[in-house]
Amino acid sequence: MSKLRLLQAATAADKAWMAEVAAVFGEREAGLARFHGRATGEPGSRLRELYDEYVKARDAYDAQ
């Protein structure tokens, strides 16, 4: 996969994850939750699923 496609996938995964973070924590707290490590979600939750997808996409991009 091209570096551009990997970046697009990572960006899309980040947006989906952050939309869920905002839904769970509220718009005001979303950024803080992300950078304080509280936005990973509980195992089995939708938040954790989206976080795991984001990490996988980010790591694939970083590996290139």
C-alpha atoms as a PDB file:
ATOM      1  CA  MET A   1       0.000   0.000   0.000  1.00  0.00           C
ATOM      2  CA  SER A   2       1.312   3.465  -0.819  1.00  0.00           C
ATOM      3  CA  LYS A   3       2.401   5.898   1.876  1.00  0.00           C
ATOM      4  CA  LEU A   4      -0.431   8.223   0.806  1.00  0.00           C
ATOM      5  CA  ARG A   5      -3.065   5.490   1.219  1.00  0.00           C
ATOM      6  CA  LEU A   6      -1.633   4.584   4.624  1.00  0.00           C
ATOM      7  CA  LEU A   7      -1.812   8.229   5.685  1.00  0.00           C
ATOM      8  CA  GLN A   8      -5.410   8.478   4.461  1.00  0.00           C
ATOM      9  CA  ALA A   9      -6.338   5.319   6.371  1.00  0.00           C
ATOM     10  CA  ALA A  10      -4.659   6.588   9.549  1.00  0.00           C
ATOM     11  CA  THR A  11      -6.379   9.965   9.222  1.00  0.00           C
ATOM     12  CA  ALA A  12      -9.795   8.368   8.696  1.00  0.00           C
ATOM     13  CA  ALA A  13      -9.270   6.049  11.677  1.00  0.00           C
ATOM     14  CA  ASP A  14      -8.206   9.006  13.835  1.00  0.00           C
ATOM     15  CA  LYS A  15     -11.297  10.994  12.869  1.00  0.00           C
ATOM     16  CA  ALA A  16     -13.620   8.060  13.611  1.00  0.00           C
ATOM     17  CA  TRP A  17     -11.959   7.435  16.969  1.00  0.00           C
ATOM     18  CA  MET A  18     -12.052  11.109  17.966  1.00  0.00           C
ATOM     19  CA  ALA A  19     -15.730  11.379  17.004  1.00  0.00           C
ATOM     20  CA  GLU A  20     -16.438   8.558  19.457  1.00  0.00           C
ATOM     21  CA  VAL A  21     -14.190  10.173  22.081  1.00  0.00           C
ATOM     22  CA  ALA A  22     -16.254  13.365  21.735  1.00  0.00           C
ATOM     23  CA  ALA A  23     -19.481  11.367  22.034  1.00  0.00           C
ATOM     24  CA  VAL A  24     -18.267   9.655  25.213  1.00  0.00           C
ATOM     25  CA  PHE A  25     -16.439  12.534  26.927  1.00  0.00           C
ATOM     26  CA  GLY A  26     -18.102  15.556  25.353  1.00  0.00           C
ATOM     27  CA  GLU A  27     -16.566  18.001  22.893  1.00  0.00           C
ATOM     28  CA  ARG A  28     -14.956  20.042  25.641  1.00  0.00           C
ATOM     29  CA  GLU A  29     -13.108  17.119  27.262  1.00  0.00           C
ATOM     30  CA  ALA A  30     -12.290  15.061  24.156  1.00  0.00           C
ATOM     31  CA  GLY A  31      -8.830  16.516  23.546  1.00  0.00           C
ATOM     32  CA  LEU A  32      -7.822  16.206  27.171  1.00  0.00           C
ATOM     33  CA  ALA A  33      -9.099  12.630  27.329  1.00  0.00           C
ATOM     34  CA  ARG A  34      -7.006  11.747  24.295  1.00  0.00           C
ATOM     35  CA  PHE A  35      -3.763  13.244  25.526  1.00  0.00           C
ATOM     36  CA  HIS A  36      -4.167  12.086  29.112  1.00  0.00           C
ATOM     37  CA  GLY A  37      -4.640   8.467  28.017  1.00  0.00           C
ATOM     38  CA  ARG A  38      -8.291   8.179  29.063  1.00  0.00           C
ATOM     39  CA  ALA A  39      -9.695   7.812  25.538  1.00  0.00           C
ATOM     40  CA  THR A  40      -8.778   4.196  24.891  1.00  0.00           C
ATOM     41  CA  GLY A  41     -12.029   2.707  26.173  1.00  0.00           C
ATOM     42  CA  GLU A  42     -12.773  -0.480  28.029  1.00  0.00           C
ATOM     43  CA  PRO A  43     -12.098  -3.837  26.351  1.00  0.00           C
ATOM     44  CA  GLY A  44     -15.054  -4.747  24.165  1.00  0.00           C
ATOM     45  CA  SER A  45     -16.339  -1.179  23.894  1.00  0.00           C
ATOM     46  CA  ARG A  46     -16.861   0.707  20.638  1.00  0.00           C
ATOM     47  CA  LEU A  47     -14.309   3.254  21.835  1.00  0.00           C
ATOM     48  CA  ARG A  48     -11.663   0.541  22.289  1.00  0.00           C
ATOM     49  CA  GLU A  49     -12.484  -0.947  18.882  1.00  0.00           C
ATOM     50  CA  LEU A  50     -11.974   2.430  17.181  1.00  0.00           C
ATOM     51  CA  TYR A  51      -8.838   3.131  19.208  1.00  0.00           C
ATOM     52  CA  ASP A  52      -7.348  -0.233  18.201  1.00  0.00           C
ATOM     53  CA  GLU A  53      -8.145   0.478  14.540  1.00  0.00           C
ATOM     54  CA  TYR A  54      -6.476   3.877  14.832  1.00  0.00           C
ATOM     55  CA  VAL A  55      -3.331   2.410  16.434  1.00  0.00           C
ATOM     56  CA  LYS A  56      -3.109  -0.275  13.761  1.00  0.00           C
ATOM     57  CA  ALA A  57      -3.453   2.284  10.937  1.00  0.00           C
ATOM     58  CA  ARG A  58      -1.006   4.701  12.593  1.00  0.00           C
ATOM     59  CA  ASP A  59       1.565   1.960  13.119  1.00  0.00           C
ATOM     60  CA  ALA A  60       1.242   0.798   9.498  1.00  0.00           C
ATOM     61  CA  TYR A  61       1.875   4.362   8.333  1.00  0.00           C
ATOM     62  CA  ASP A  62       4.823   4.823  10.703  1.00  0.00           C
ATOM     63  CA  ALA A  63       6.361   1.535   9.542  1.00  0.00           C
ATOM     64  CA  GLN A  64       6.773   2.857   5.985  1.00  0.00           C
END
